[in-house]
């Protein structure tokens, strides 16, 4: 296959595309006048959890609030406040709670495999 009939390499195509975008913007044109522009919005809010649901997720894992806090990357006070209904988890924490709830056996295995005992 000769050079003239080969597809342009990805790098060249990317540079050409970015150059087209730059030139369009330099001319003061809207990108939507020259390119297909789409905005994608997901209607996918994380599940809301009340105090009882959070406690049940933790109990299914069989861990203390302190260990659960480590898993979530939160403080023990934060987990306690969720379980007492004083505060609600933020959307990122709710996503992680969804994952733990949906696949708790996987998370139990992760915990079992990562536990180390510290002697005092």
PDB file of N, CA and C in Angstrom:
ATOM      1  N   UNK A   1       0.851  -1.162   0.000  1.00  0.00           N
ATOM      2  CA  UNK A   1       0.000   0.000   0.000  1.00  0.00           C
ATOM      3  C   UNK A   1       0.900   1.229   0.000  1.00  0.00           C
ATOM      4  N   UNK A   2       0.681   2.132  -0.938  1.00  0.00           N
ATOM      5  CA  UNK A   2       1.518   3.314  -1.050  1.00  0.00           C
ATOM      6  C   UNK A   2       1.192   4.348   0.004  1.00  0.00           C
ATOM      7  N   UNK A   3       2.115   5.286   0.208  1.00  0.00           N
ATOM      8  CA  UNK A   3       1.952   6.348   1.211  1.00  0.00           C
ATOM      9  C   UNK A   3       0.698   7.174   0.956  1.00  0.00           C
ATOM     10  N   UNK A   4       0.360   7.427  -0.291  1.00  0.00           N
ATOM     11  CA  UNK A   4      -0.782   8.281  -0.632  1.00  0.00           C
ATOM     12  C   UNK A   4      -2.113   7.633  -0.280  1.00  0.00           C
ATOM     13  N   UNK A   5      -2.183   6.306  -0.255  1.00  0.00           N
ATOM     14  CA  UNK A   5      -3.458   5.633   0.005  1.00  0.00           C
ATOM     15  C   UNK A   5      -3.613   5.211   1.456  1.00  0.00           C
ATOM     16  N   UNK A   6      -2.574   5.381   2.274  1.00  0.00           N
ATOM     17  CA  UNK A   6      -2.670   5.000   3.686  1.00  0.00           C
ATOM     18  C   UNK A   6      -3.470   6.026   4.468  1.00  0.00           C
ATOM     19  N   UNK A   7      -4.136   5.545   5.517  1.00  0.00           N
ATOM     20  CA  UNK A   7      -4.864   6.462   6.401  1.00  0.00           C
ATOM     21  C   UNK A   7      -3.854   7.312   7.157  1.00  0.00           C
ATOM     22  N   UNK A   8      -4.215   8.578   7.394  1.00  0.00           N
ATOM     23  CA  UNK A   8      -3.304   9.395   8.191  1.00  0.00           C
ATOM     24  C   UNK A   8      -3.195   8.836   9.609  1.00  0.00           C
ATOM     25  N   UNK A   9      -2.048   8.963  10.171  1.00  0.00           N
ATOM     26  CA  UNK A   9      -1.837   8.472  11.526  1.00  0.00           C
ATOM     27  C   UNK A   9      -2.657   9.281  12.518  1.00  0.00           C
ATOM     28  N   UNK A  10      -2.943   8.674  13.642  1.00  0.00           N
ATOM     29  CA  UNK A  10      -3.782   9.294  14.657  1.00  0.00           C
ATOM     30  C   UNK A  10      -3.224  10.649  15.095  1.00  0.00           C
ATOM     31  N   UNK A  11      -1.938  10.716  15.335  1.00  0.00           N
ATOM     32  CA  UNK A  11      -1.332  11.968  15.769  1.00  0.00           C
ATOM     33  C   UNK A  11      -1.573  13.092  14.780  1.00  0.00           C
ATOM     34  N   UNK A  12      -1.401  12.803  13.509  1.00  0.00           N
ATOM     35  CA  UNK A  12      -1.624  13.822  12.471  1.00  0.00           C
ATOM     36  C   UNK A  12      -3.090  14.245  12.428  1.00  0.00           C
ATOM     37  N   UNK A  13      -3.995  13.269  12.567  1.00  0.00           N
ATOM     38  CA  UNK A  13      -5.430  13.601  12.557  1.00  0.00           C
ATOM     39  C   UNK A  13      -5.798  14.474  13.751  1.00  0.00           C
ATOM     40  N   UNK A  14      -5.218  14.151  14.909  1.00  0.00           N
ATOM     41  CA  UNK A  14      -5.490  14.959  16.100  1.00  0.00           C
ATOM     42  C   UNK A  14      -4.978  16.392  15.924  1.00  0.00           C
ATOM     43  N   UNK A  15      -3.767  16.508  15.424  1.00  0.00           N
ATOM     44  CA  UNK A  15      -3.194  17.844  15.212  1.00  0.00           C
ATOM     45  C   UNK A  15      -4.033  18.624  14.213  1.00  0.00           C
ATOM     46  N   UNK A  16      -4.462  17.968  13.134  1.00  0.00           N
ATOM     47  CA  UNK A  16      -5.289  18.633  12.132  1.00  0.00           C
ATOM     48  C   UNK A  16      -6.615  19.093  12.742  1.00  0.00           C
ATOM     49  N   UNK A  17      -7.223  18.234  13.554  1.00  0.00           N
ATOM     50  CA  UNK A  17      -8.489  18.583  14.187  1.00  0.00           C
ATOM     51  C   UNK A  17      -8.337  19.732  15.173  1.00  0.00           C
ATOM     52  N   UNK A  18      -7.289  19.699  15.978  1.00  0.00           N
ATOM     53  CA  UNK A  18      -7.051  20.778  16.926  1.00  0.00           C
ATOM     54  C   UNK A  18      -6.718  22.089  16.212  1.00  0.00           C
ATOM     55  N   UNK A  19      -6.005  21.983  15.103  1.00  0.00           N
ATOM     56  CA  UNK A  19      -5.696  23.180  14.306  1.00  0.00           C
ATOM     57  C   UNK A  19      -6.979  23.780  13.740  1.00  0.00           C
ATOM     58  N   UNK A  20      -7.887  22.936  13.262  1.00  0.00           N
ATOM     59  CA  UNK A  20      -9.187  23.418  12.759  1.00  0.00           C
ATOM     60  C   UNK A  20      -9.960  24.141  13.862  1.00  0.00           C
ATOM     61  N   UNK A  21      -9.939  23.587  15.061  1.00  0.00           N
ATOM     62  CA  UNK A  21     -10.636  24.229  16.178  1.00  0.00           C
ATOM     63  C   UNK A  21      -9.994  25.582  16.477  1.00  0.00           C
ATOM     64  N   UNK A  22      -8.664  25.601  16.545  1.00  0.00           N
ATOM     65  CA  UNK A  22      -7.964  26.865  16.814  1.00  0.00           C
ATOM     66  C   UNK A  22      -8.298  27.920  15.772  1.00  0.00           C
ATOM     67  N   UNK A  23      -8.241  27.539  14.497  1.00  0.00           N
ATOM     68  CA  UNK A  23      -8.508  28.490  13.415  1.00  0.00           C
ATOM     69  C   UNK A  23      -9.944  29.001  13.460  1.00  0.00           C
ATOM     70  N   UNK A  24     -10.874  28.126  13.776  1.00  0.00           N
ATOM     71  CA  UNK A  24     -12.279  28.523  13.884  1.00  0.00           C
ATOM     72  C   UNK A  24     -12.452  29.550  14.998  1.00  0.00           C
ATOM     73  N   UNK A  25     -11.834  29.301  16.142  1.00  0.00           N
ATOM     74  CA  UNK A  25     -11.936  30.235  17.263  1.00  0.00           C
ATOM     75  C   UNK A  25     -11.240  31.561  16.957  1.00  0.00           C
ATOM     76  N   UNK A  26     -10.097  31.496  16.253  1.00  0.00           N
ATOM     77  CA  UNK A  26      -9.388  32.731  15.890  1.00  0.00           C
ATOM     78  C   UNK A  26     -10.237  33.611  14.976  1.00  0.00           C
ATOM     79  N   UNK A  27     -11.038  32.988  14.123  1.00  0.00           N
ATOM     80  CA  UNK A  27     -11.910  33.737  13.210  1.00  0.00           C
ATOM     81  C   UNK A  27     -13.135  34.286  13.921  1.00  0.00           C
ATOM     82  N   UNK A  28     -13.306  33.924  15.190  1.00  0.00           N
ATOM     83  CA  UNK A  28     -14.456  34.405  15.946  1.00  0.00           C
ATOM     84  C   UNK A  28     -15.723  33.623  15.669  1.00  0.00           C
ATOM     85  N   UNK A  29     -15.590  32.489  15.001  1.00  0.00           N
ATOM     86  CA  UNK A  29     -16.763  31.658  14.705  1.00  0.00           C
ATOM     87  C   UNK A  29     -17.111  30.810  15.925  1.00  0.00           C
ATOM     88  N   UNK A  30     -18.372  30.464  16.015  1.00  0.00           N
ATOM     89  CA  UNK A  30     -18.801  29.516  17.035  1.00  0.00           C
ATOM     90  C   UNK A  30     -18.399  28.120  16.559  1.00  0.00           C
ATOM     91  N   UNK A  31     -17.943  27.303  17.483  1.00  0.00           N
ATOM     92  CA  UNK A  31     -17.572  25.936  17.124  1.00  0.00           C
ATOM     93  C   UNK A  31     -18.753  25.185  16.525  1.00  0.00           C
ATOM     94  N   UNK A  32     -19.960  25.486  16.994  1.00  0.00           N
ATOM     95  CA  UNK A  32     -21.152  24.792  16.507  1.00  0.00           C
ATOM     96  C   UNK A  32     -21.479  25.136  15.059  1.00  0.00           C
ATOM     97  N   UNK A  33     -20.887  26.216  14.511  1.00  0.00           N
ATOM     98  CA  UNK A  33     -21.106  26.558  13.104  1.00  0.00           C
ATOM     99  C   UNK A  33     -20.304  25.646  12.176  1.00  0.00           C
ATOM    100  N   UNK A  34     -19.208  25.105  12.673  1.00  0.00           N
ATOM    101  CA  UNK A  34     -18.339  24.286  11.832  1.00  0.00           C
ATOM    102  C   UNK A  34     -18.318  22.812  12.247  1.00  0.00           C
ATOM    103  N   UNK A  35     -18.545  22.551  13.525  1.00  0.00           N
ATOM    104  CA  UNK A  35     -18.433  21.186  14.049  1.00  0.00           C
ATOM    105  C   UNK A  35     -19.754  20.754  14.676  1.00  0.00           C
ATOM    106  N   UNK A  36     -19.916  19.461  14.789  1.00  0.00           N
ATOM    107  CA  UNK A  36     -21.053  18.934  15.532  1.00  0.00           C
ATOM    108  C   UNK A  36     -20.708  19.052  17.011  1.00  0.00           C
ATOM    109  N   UNK A  37     -21.526  19.772  17.752  1.00  0.00           N
ATOM    110  CA  UNK A  37     -21.282  20.003  19.168  1.00  0.00           C
ATOM    111  C   UNK A  37     -22.490  19.476  19.939  1.00  0.00           C
ATOM    112  N   UNK A  38     -22.223  18.636  20.902  1.00  0.00           N
ATOM    113  CA  UNK A  38     -23.306  18.070  21.708  1.00  0.00           C
ATOM    114  C   UNK A  38     -23.016  18.298  23.183  1.00  0.00           C
ATOM    115  N   UNK A  39     -24.048  18.502  23.928  1.00  0.00           N
ATOM    116  CA  UNK A  39     -23.951  18.543  25.383  1.00  0.00           C
ATOM    117  C   UNK A  39     -24.682  17.319  25.900  1.00  0.00           C
ATOM    118  N   UNK A  40     -23.983  16.539  26.705  1.00  0.00           N
ATOM    119  CA  UNK A  40     -24.567  15.318  27.250  1.00  0.00           C
ATOM    120  C   UNK A  40     -24.758  15.523  28.741  1.00  0.00           C
ATOM    121  N   UNK A  41     -25.971  15.299  29.202  1.00  0.00           N
ATOM    122  CA  UNK A  41     -26.283  15.424  30.624  1.00  0.00           C
ATOM    123  C   UNK A  41     -26.852  14.094  31.089  1.00  0.00           C
ATOM    124  N   UNK A  42     -26.245  13.548  32.137  1.00  0.00           N
ATOM    125  CA  UNK A  42     -26.744  12.305  32.705  1.00  0.00           C
ATOM    126  C   UNK A  42     -27.762  12.612  33.792  1.00  0.00           C
ATOM    127  N   UNK A  43     -28.875  11.962  33.732  1.00  0.00           N
ATOM    128  CA  UNK A  43     -29.870  12.081  34.783  1.00  0.00           C
ATOM    129  C   UNK A  43     -29.639  10.908  35.729  1.00  0.00           C
ATOM    130  N   UNK A  44     -28.576  11.013  36.486  1.00  0.00           N
ATOM    131  CA  UNK A  44     -28.130   9.878  37.282  1.00  0.00           C
ATOM    132  C   UNK A  44     -27.616  10.362  38.633  1.00  0.00           C
ATOM    133  N   UNK A  45     -28.533  10.767  39.484  1.00  0.00           N
ATOM    134  CA  UNK A  45     -28.156  11.210  40.821  1.00  0.00           C
ATOM    135  C   UNK A  45     -27.802  10.000  41.677  1.00  0.00           C
ATOM    136  N   UNK A  46     -26.809  10.151  42.548  1.00  0.00           N
ATOM    137  CA  UNK A  46     -26.492   9.034  43.443  1.00  0.00           C
ATOM    138  C   UNK A  46     -27.640   8.786  44.420  1.00  0.00           C
ATOM    139  N   UNK A  47     -27.778   7.556  44.820  1.00  0.00           N
ATOM    140  CA  UNK A  47     -28.823   7.157  45.760  1.00  0.00           C
ATOM    141  C   UNK A  47     -28.678   7.935  47.069  1.00  0.00           C
ATOM    142  N   UNK A  48     -29.811   8.287  47.658  1.00  0.00           N
ATOM    143  CA  UNK A  48     -29.779   8.938  48.965  1.00  0.00           C
ATOM    144  C   UNK A  48     -29.883   7.857  50.036  1.00  0.00           C
ATOM    145  N   UNK A  49     -29.132   8.038  51.104  1.00  0.00           N
ATOM    146  CA  UNK A  49     -29.111   7.066  52.194  1.00  0.00           C
ATOM    147  C   UNK A  49     -29.471   7.754  53.500  1.00  0.00           C
ATOM    148  N   UNK A  50     -30.407   7.150  54.241  1.00  0.00           N
ATOM    149  CA  UNK A  50     -30.704   7.676  55.569  1.00  0.00           C
ATOM    150  C   UNK A  50     -29.786   6.981  56.574  1.00  0.00           C
ATOM    151  N   UNK A  51     -29.893   7.399  57.822  1.00  0.00           N
ATOM    152  CA  UNK A  51     -29.005   6.889  58.870  1.00  0.00           C
ATOM    153  C   UNK A  51     -29.074   5.368  58.984  1.00  0.00           C
ATOM    154  N   UNK A  52     -30.265   4.823  58.945  1.00  0.00           N
ATOM    155  CA  UNK A  52     -30.443   3.378  59.090  1.00  0.00           C
ATOM    156  C   UNK A  52     -29.805   2.615  57.932  1.00  0.00           C
ATOM    157  N   UNK A  53     -29.965   3.125  56.722  1.00  0.00           N
ATOM    158  CA  UNK A  53     -29.393   2.446  55.550  1.00  0.00           C
ATOM    159  C   UNK A  53     -27.868   2.437  55.614  1.00  0.00           C
ATOM    160  N   UNK A  54     -27.281   3.528  56.060  1.00  0.00           N
ATOM    161  CA  UNK A  54     -25.816   3.598  56.157  1.00  0.00           C
ATOM    162  C   UNK A  54     -25.317   2.605  57.199  1.00  0.00           C
ATOM    163  N   UNK A  55     -25.980   2.559  58.345  1.00  0.00           N
ATOM    164  CA  UNK A  55     -25.595   1.608  59.385  1.00  0.00           C
ATOM    165  C   UNK A  55     -25.695   0.171  58.880  1.00  0.00           C
ATOM    166  N   UNK A  56     -26.771  -0.127  58.120  1.00  0.00           N
ATOM    167  CA  UNK A  56     -26.940  -1.492  57.593  1.00  0.00           C
ATOM    168  C   UNK A  56     -25.843  -1.851  56.594  1.00  0.00           C
ATOM    169  N   UNK A  57     -25.425  -0.907  55.768  1.00  0.00           N
ATOM    170  CA  UNK A  57     -24.326  -1.166  54.823  1.00  0.00           C
ATOM    171  C   UNK A  57     -23.063  -1.515  55.611  1.00  0.00           C
ATOM    172  N   UNK A  58     -22.778  -0.727  56.648  1.00  0.00           N
ATOM    173  CA  UNK A  58     -21.586  -0.979  57.465  1.00  0.00           C
ATOM    174  C   UNK A  58     -21.686  -2.346  58.143  1.00  0.00           C
ATOM    175  N   UNK A  59     -22.848  -2.640  58.701  1.00  0.00           N
ATOM    176  CA  UNK A  59     -23.024  -3.912  59.396  1.00  0.00           C
ATOM    177  C   UNK A  59     -22.906  -5.099  58.446  1.00  0.00           C
ATOM    178  N   UNK A  60     -23.376  -4.943  57.195  1.00  0.00           N
ATOM    179  CA  UNK A  60     -23.222  -6.025  56.209  1.00  0.00           C
ATOM    180  C   UNK A  60     -21.755  -6.324  55.945  1.00  0.00           C
ATOM    181  N   UNK A  61     -20.925  -5.278  56.027  1.00  0.00           N
ATOM    182  CA  UNK A  61     -19.489  -5.493  55.868  1.00  0.00           C
ATOM    183  C   UNK A  61     -18.878  -6.105  57.121  1.00  0.00           C
ATOM    184  N   UNK A  62     -19.577  -5.964  58.238  1.00  0.00           N
ATOM    185  CA  UNK A  62     -19.082  -6.522  59.488  1.00  0.00           C
ATOM    186  C   UNK A  62     -17.919  -5.733  60.065  1.00  0.00           C
ATOM    187  N   UNK A  63     -17.987  -4.399  59.940  1.00  0.00           N
ATOM    188  CA  UNK A  63     -16.889  -3.569  60.432  1.00  0.00           C
ATOM    189  C   UNK A  63     -17.398  -2.504  61.395  1.00  0.00           C
ATOM    190  N   UNK A  64     -16.479  -1.991  62.173  1.00  0.00           N
ATOM    191  CA  UNK A  64     -16.784  -0.894  63.100  1.00  0.00           C
ATOM    192  C   UNK A  64     -16.903   0.411  62.323  1.00  0.00           C
ATOM    193  N   UNK A  65     -17.391   1.444  63.003  1.00  0.00           N
ATOM    194  CA  UNK A  65     -17.436   2.758  62.368  1.00  0.00           C
ATOM    195  C   UNK A  65     -16.035   3.228  61.998  1.00  0.00           C
ATOM    196  N   UNK A  66     -15.070   2.924  62.846  1.00  0.00           N
ATOM    197  CA  UNK A  66     -13.694   3.355  62.578  1.00  0.00           C
ATOM    198  C   UNK A  66     -13.145   2.713  61.303  1.00  0.00           C
ATOM    199  N   UNK A  67     -13.366   1.421  61.143  1.00  0.00           N
ATOM    200  CA  UNK A  67     -12.877   0.745  59.936  1.00  0.00           C
ATOM    201  C   UNK A  67     -13.670   1.182  58.707  1.00  0.00           C
ATOM    202  N   UNK A  68     -14.968   1.354  58.873  1.00  0.00           N
ATOM    203  CA  UNK A  68     -15.810   1.828  57.771  1.00  0.00           C
ATOM    204  C   UNK A  68     -15.345   3.210  57.314  1.00  0.00           C
ATOM    205  N   UNK A  69     -15.008   4.065  58.269  1.00  0.00           N
ATOM    206  CA  UNK A  69     -14.503   5.394  57.941  1.00  0.00           C
ATOM    207  C   UNK A  69     -13.224   5.294  57.111  1.00  0.00           C
ATOM    208  N   UNK A  70     -12.343   4.353  57.446  1.00  0.00           N
ATOM    209  CA  UNK A  70     -11.116   4.171  56.673  1.00  0.00           C
ATOM    210  C   UNK A  70     -11.432   3.745  55.252  1.00  0.00           C
ATOM    211  N   UNK A  71     -12.384   2.825  55.106  1.00  0.00           N
ATOM    212  CA  UNK A  71     -12.769   2.356  53.769  1.00  0.00           C
ATOM    213  C   UNK A  71     -13.279   3.522  52.921  1.00  0.00           C
ATOM    214  N   UNK A  72     -14.071   4.393  53.533  1.00  0.00           N
ATOM    215  CA  UNK A  72     -14.688   5.506  52.808  1.00  0.00           C
ATOM    216  C   UNK A  72     -13.782   6.716  52.667  1.00  0.00           C
ATOM    217  N   UNK A  73     -12.671   6.716  53.390  1.00  0.00           N
ATOM    218  CA  UNK A  73     -11.810   7.891  53.365  1.00  0.00           C
ATOM    219  C   UNK A  73     -12.444   9.056  54.108  1.00  0.00           C
ATOM    220  N   UNK A  74     -13.194   8.739  55.161  1.00  0.00           N
ATOM    221  CA  UNK A  74     -13.885   9.748  55.954  1.00  0.00           C
ATOM    222  C   UNK A  74     -13.420   9.627  57.401  1.00  0.00           C
ATOM    223  N   UNK A  75     -13.812  10.577  58.218  1.00  0.00           N
ATOM    224  CA  UNK A  75     -13.478  10.495  59.637  1.00  0.00           C
ATOM    225  C   UNK A  75     -14.533   9.658  60.357  1.00  0.00           C
ATOM    226  N   UNK A  76     -14.157   9.160  61.526  1.00  0.00           N
ATOM    227  CA  UNK A  76     -15.103   8.407  62.338  1.00  0.00           C
ATOM    228  C   UNK A  76     -16.271   9.310  62.730  1.00  0.00           C
ATOM    229  N   UNK A  77     -15.977  10.571  63.041  1.00  0.00           N
ATOM    230  CA  UNK A  77     -17.045  11.519  63.398  1.00  0.00           C
ATOM    231  C   UNK A  77     -18.036  11.691  62.252  1.00  0.00           C
ATOM    232  N   UNK A  78     -17.533  11.708  61.028  1.00  0.00           N
ATOM    233  CA  UNK A  78     -18.415  11.853  59.863  1.00  0.00           C
ATOM    234  C   UNK A  78     -19.347  10.650  59.743  1.00  0.00           C
ATOM    235  N   UNK A  79     -18.771   9.446  59.826  1.00  0.00           N
ATOM    236  CA  UNK A  79     -19.593   8.231  59.733  1.00  0.00           C
ATOM    237  C   UNK A  79     -20.613   8.202  60.860  1.00  0.00           C
ATOM    238  N   UNK A  80     -20.189   8.547  62.074  1.00  0.00           N
ATOM    239  CA  UNK A  80     -21.119   8.566  63.215  1.00  0.00           C
ATOM    240  C   UNK A  80     -22.251   9.566  62.971  1.00  0.00           C
ATOM    241  N   UNK A  81     -21.907  10.727  62.428  1.00  0.00           N
ATOM    242  CA  UNK A  81     -22.957  11.735  62.180  1.00  0.00           C
ATOM    243  C   UNK A  81     -23.930  11.273  61.099  1.00  0.00           C
ATOM    244  N   UNK A  82     -23.442  10.514  60.125  1.00  0.00           N
ATOM    245  CA  UNK A  82     -24.355   9.958  59.116  1.00  0.00           C
ATOM    246  C   UNK A  82     -25.306   8.962  59.764  1.00  0.00           C
ATOM    247  N   UNK A  83     -24.742   8.085  60.584  1.00  0.00           N
ATOM    248  CA  UNK A  83     -25.545   7.031  61.206  1.00  0.00           C
ATOM    249  C   UNK A  83     -26.508   7.579  62.262  1.00  0.00           C
ATOM    250  N   UNK A  84     -26.240   8.763  62.764  1.00  0.00           N
ATOM    251  CA  UNK A  84     -27.146   9.399  63.732  1.00  0.00           C
ATOM    252  C   UNK A  84     -28.144  10.316  63.033  1.00  0.00           C
ATOM    253  N   UNK A  85     -28.018  10.476  61.717  1.00  0.00           N
ATOM    254  CA  UNK A  85     -28.926  11.337  60.976  1.00  0.00           C
ATOM    255  C   UNK A  85     -28.638  12.821  61.136  1.00  0.00           C
ATOM    256  N   UNK A  86     -27.483  13.159  61.678  1.00  0.00           N
ATOM    257  CA  UNK A  86     -27.111  14.555  61.874  1.00  0.00           C
ATOM    258  C   UNK A  86     -26.664  15.187  60.560  1.00  0.00           C
ATOM    259  N   UNK A  87     -25.925  14.425  59.772  1.00  0.00           N
ATOM    260  CA  UNK A  87     -25.442  14.889  58.466  1.00  0.00           C
ATOM    261  C   UNK A  87     -25.766  13.849  57.409  1.00  0.00           C
ATOM    262  N   UNK A  88     -25.722  14.297  56.155  1.00  0.00           N
ATOM    263  CA  UNK A  88     -25.934  13.383  55.030  1.00  0.00           C
ATOM    264  C   UNK A  88     -24.637  13.281  54.242  1.00  0.00           C
ATOM    265  N   UNK A  89     -24.355  12.100  53.687  1.00  0.00           N
ATOM    266  CA  UNK A  89     -23.140  11.963  52.884  1.00  0.00           C
ATOM    267  C   UNK A  89     -23.221  12.820  51.618  1.00  0.00           C
ATOM    268  N   UNK A  90     -22.077  13.342  51.192  1.00  0.00           N
ATOM    269  CA  UNK A  90     -22.042  14.116  49.945  1.00  0.00           C
ATOM    270  C   UNK A  90     -22.203  13.173  48.753  1.00  0.00           C
ATOM    271  N   UNK A  91     -22.432  13.700  47.558  1.00  0.00           N
ATOM    272  CA  UNK A  91     -22.665  12.840  46.387  1.00  0.00           C
ATOM    273  C   UNK A  91     -21.551  11.827  46.113  1.00  0.00           C
ATOM    274  N   UNK A  92     -20.283  12.204  46.310  1.00  0.00           N
ATOM    275  CA  UNK A  92     -19.187  11.261  46.062  1.00  0.00           C
ATOM    276  C   UNK A  92     -19.238  10.106  47.055  1.00  0.00           C
ATOM    277  N   UNK A  93     -19.491  10.410  48.319  1.00  0.00           N
ATOM    278  CA  UNK A  93     -19.609   9.355  49.323  1.00  0.00           C
ATOM    279  C   UNK A  93     -20.807   8.462  49.020  1.00  0.00           C
ATOM    280  N   UNK A  94     -21.904   9.061  48.551  1.00  0.00           N
ATOM    281  CA  UNK A  94     -23.090   8.264  48.202  1.00  0.00           C
ATOM    282  C   UNK A  94     -22.795   7.321  47.044  1.00  0.00           C
ATOM    283  N   UNK A  95     -21.974   7.758  46.085  1.00  0.00           N
ATOM    284  CA  UNK A  95     -21.590   6.856  44.987  1.00  0.00           C
ATOM    285  C   UNK A  95     -20.834   5.650  45.532  1.00  0.00           C
ATOM    286  N   UNK A  96     -19.903   5.901  46.455  1.00  0.00           N
ATOM    287  CA  UNK A  96     -19.142   4.799  47.036  1.00  0.00           C
ATOM    288  C   UNK A  96     -20.044   3.896  47.876  1.00  0.00           C
ATOM    289  N   UNK A  97     -20.970   4.482  48.609  1.00  0.00           N
ATOM    290  CA  UNK A  97     -21.926   3.672  49.359  1.00  0.00           C
ATOM    291  C   UNK A  97     -22.764   2.795  48.427  1.00  0.00           C
ATOM    292  N   UNK A  98     -23.143   3.344  47.273  1.00  0.00           N
ATOM    293  CA  UNK A  98     -23.870   2.545  46.267  1.00  0.00           C
ATOM    294  C   UNK A  98     -23.046   1.334  45.859  1.00  0.00           C
ATOM    295  N   UNK A  99     -21.786   1.579  45.551  1.00  0.00           N
ATOM    296  CA  UNK A  99     -20.908   0.496  45.098  1.00  0.00           C
ATOM    297  C   UNK A  99     -20.733  -0.558  46.188  1.00  0.00           C
ATOM    298  N   UNK A 100     -20.528  -0.129  47.403  1.00  0.00           N
ATOM    299  CA  UNK A 100     -20.365  -1.076  48.510  1.00  0.00           C
ATOM    300  C   UNK A 100     -21.657  -1.864  48.713  1.00  0.00           C
ATOM    301  N   UNK A 101     -22.786  -1.181  48.656  1.00  0.00           N
ATOM    302  CA  UNK A 101     -24.081  -1.832  48.846  1.00  0.00           C
ATOM    303  C   UNK A 101     -24.357  -2.849  47.743  1.00  0.00           C
ATOM    304  N   UNK A 102     -24.016  -2.478  46.515  1.00  0.00           N
ATOM    305  CA  UNK A 102     -24.282  -3.336  45.359  1.00  0.00           C
ATOM    306  C   UNK A 102     -23.356  -4.554  45.335  1.00  0.00           C
ATOM    307  N   UNK A 103     -22.150  -4.401  45.870  1.00  0.00           N
ATOM    308  CA  UNK A 103     -21.155  -5.452  45.722  1.00  0.00           C
ATOM    309  C   UNK A 103     -20.425  -5.668  47.049  1.00  0.00           C
ATOM    310  N   UNK A 104     -21.198  -5.879  48.117  1.00  0.00           N
ATOM    311  CA  UNK A 104     -20.590  -5.946  49.446  1.00  0.00           C
ATOM    312  C   UNK A 104     -19.622  -7.110  49.628  1.00  0.00           C
ATOM    313  N   UNK A 105     -19.867  -8.235  48.966  1.00  0.00           N
ATOM    314  CA  UNK A 105     -18.936  -9.367  49.100  1.00  0.00           C
ATOM    315  C   UNK A 105     -17.553  -9.019  48.543  1.00  0.00           C
ATOM    316  N   UNK A 106     -17.524  -8.292  47.461  1.00  0.00           N
ATOM    317  CA  UNK A 106     -16.250  -7.824  46.894  1.00  0.00           C
ATOM    318  C   UNK A 106     -15.513  -6.959  47.913  1.00  0.00           C
ATOM    319  N   UNK A 107     -16.241  -6.050  48.552  1.00  0.00           N
ATOM    320  CA  UNK A 107     -15.630  -5.157  49.529  1.00  0.00           C
ATOM    321  C   UNK A 107     -15.208  -5.910  50.785  1.00  0.00           C
ATOM    322  N   UNK A 108     -15.969  -6.923  51.178  1.00  0.00           N
ATOM    323  CA  UNK A 108     -15.559  -7.753  52.323  1.00  0.00           C
ATOM    324  C   UNK A 108     -14.242  -8.451  52.025  1.00  0.00           C
ATOM    325  N   UNK A 109     -14.092  -8.932  50.787  1.00  0.00           N
ATOM    326  CA  UNK A 109     -12.841  -9.587  50.397  1.00  0.00           C
ATOM    327  C   UNK A 109     -11.686  -8.592  50.419  1.00  0.00           C
ATOM    328  N   UNK A 110     -11.912  -7.404  49.896  1.00  0.00           N
ATOM    329  CA  UNK A 110     -10.868  -6.372  49.926  1.00  0.00           C
ATOM    330  C   UNK A 110     -10.445  -6.112  51.371  1.00  0.00           C
ATOM    331  N   UNK A 111     -11.418  -6.000  52.252  1.00  0.00           N
ATOM    332  CA  UNK A 111     -11.104  -5.760  53.658  1.00  0.00           C
ATOM    333  C   UNK A 111     -10.326  -6.924  54.267  1.00  0.00           C
ATOM    334  N   UNK A 112     -10.786  -8.151  54.016  1.00  0.00           N
ATOM    335  CA  UNK A 112     -10.086  -9.334  54.554  1.00  0.00           C
ATOM    336  C   UNK A 112      -8.646  -9.368  54.067  1.00  0.00           C
ATOM    337  N   UNK A 113      -8.453  -9.083  52.776  1.00  0.00           N
ATOM    338  CA  UNK A 113      -7.114  -9.165  52.188  1.00  0.00           C
ATOM    339  C   UNK A 113      -6.191  -8.040  52.652  1.00  0.00           C
ATOM    340  N   UNK A 114      -6.756  -6.946  53.143  1.00  0.00           N
ATOM    341  CA  UNK A 114      -5.913  -5.803  53.490  1.00  0.00           C
ATOM    342  C   UNK A 114      -5.758  -5.589  54.995  1.00  0.00           C
ATOM    343  N   UNK A 115      -6.419  -6.392  55.793  1.00  0.00           N
ATOM    344  CA  UNK A 115      -6.321  -6.222  57.237  1.00  0.00           C
ATOM    345  C   UNK A 115      -4.932  -6.610  57.733  1.00  0.00           C
ATOM    346  N   UNK A 116      -4.385  -5.779  58.585  1.00  0.00           N
ATOM    347  CA  UNK A 116      -3.147  -6.106  59.286  1.00  0.00           C
ATOM    348  C   UNK A 116      -3.401  -5.839  60.759  1.00  0.00           C
ATOM    349  N   UNK A 117      -2.809  -6.657  61.597  1.00  0.00           N
ATOM    350  CA  UNK A 117      -2.980  -6.507  63.015  1.00  0.00           C
ATOM    351  C   UNK A 117      -1.753  -5.811  63.595  1.00  0.00           C
ATOM    352  N   UNK A 118      -2.020  -4.825  64.432  1.00  0.00           N
ATOM    353  CA  UNK A 118      -0.944  -4.103  65.086  1.00  0.00           C
ATOM    354  C   UNK A 118      -0.950  -4.513  66.547  1.00  0.00           C
ATOM    355  N   UNK A 119       0.188  -5.028  67.022  1.00  0.00           N
ATOM    356  CA  UNK A 119       0.269  -5.413  68.424  1.00  0.00           C
ATOM    357  C   UNK A 119       0.681  -4.214  69.254  1.00  0.00           C
ATOM    358  N   UNK A 120       0.064  -4.119  70.418  1.00  0.00           N
ATOM    359  CA  UNK A 120       0.358  -2.990  71.298  1.00  0.00           C
ATOM    360  C   UNK A 120       1.096  -3.473  72.527  1.00  0.00           C
TER     361      UNK A 120
END
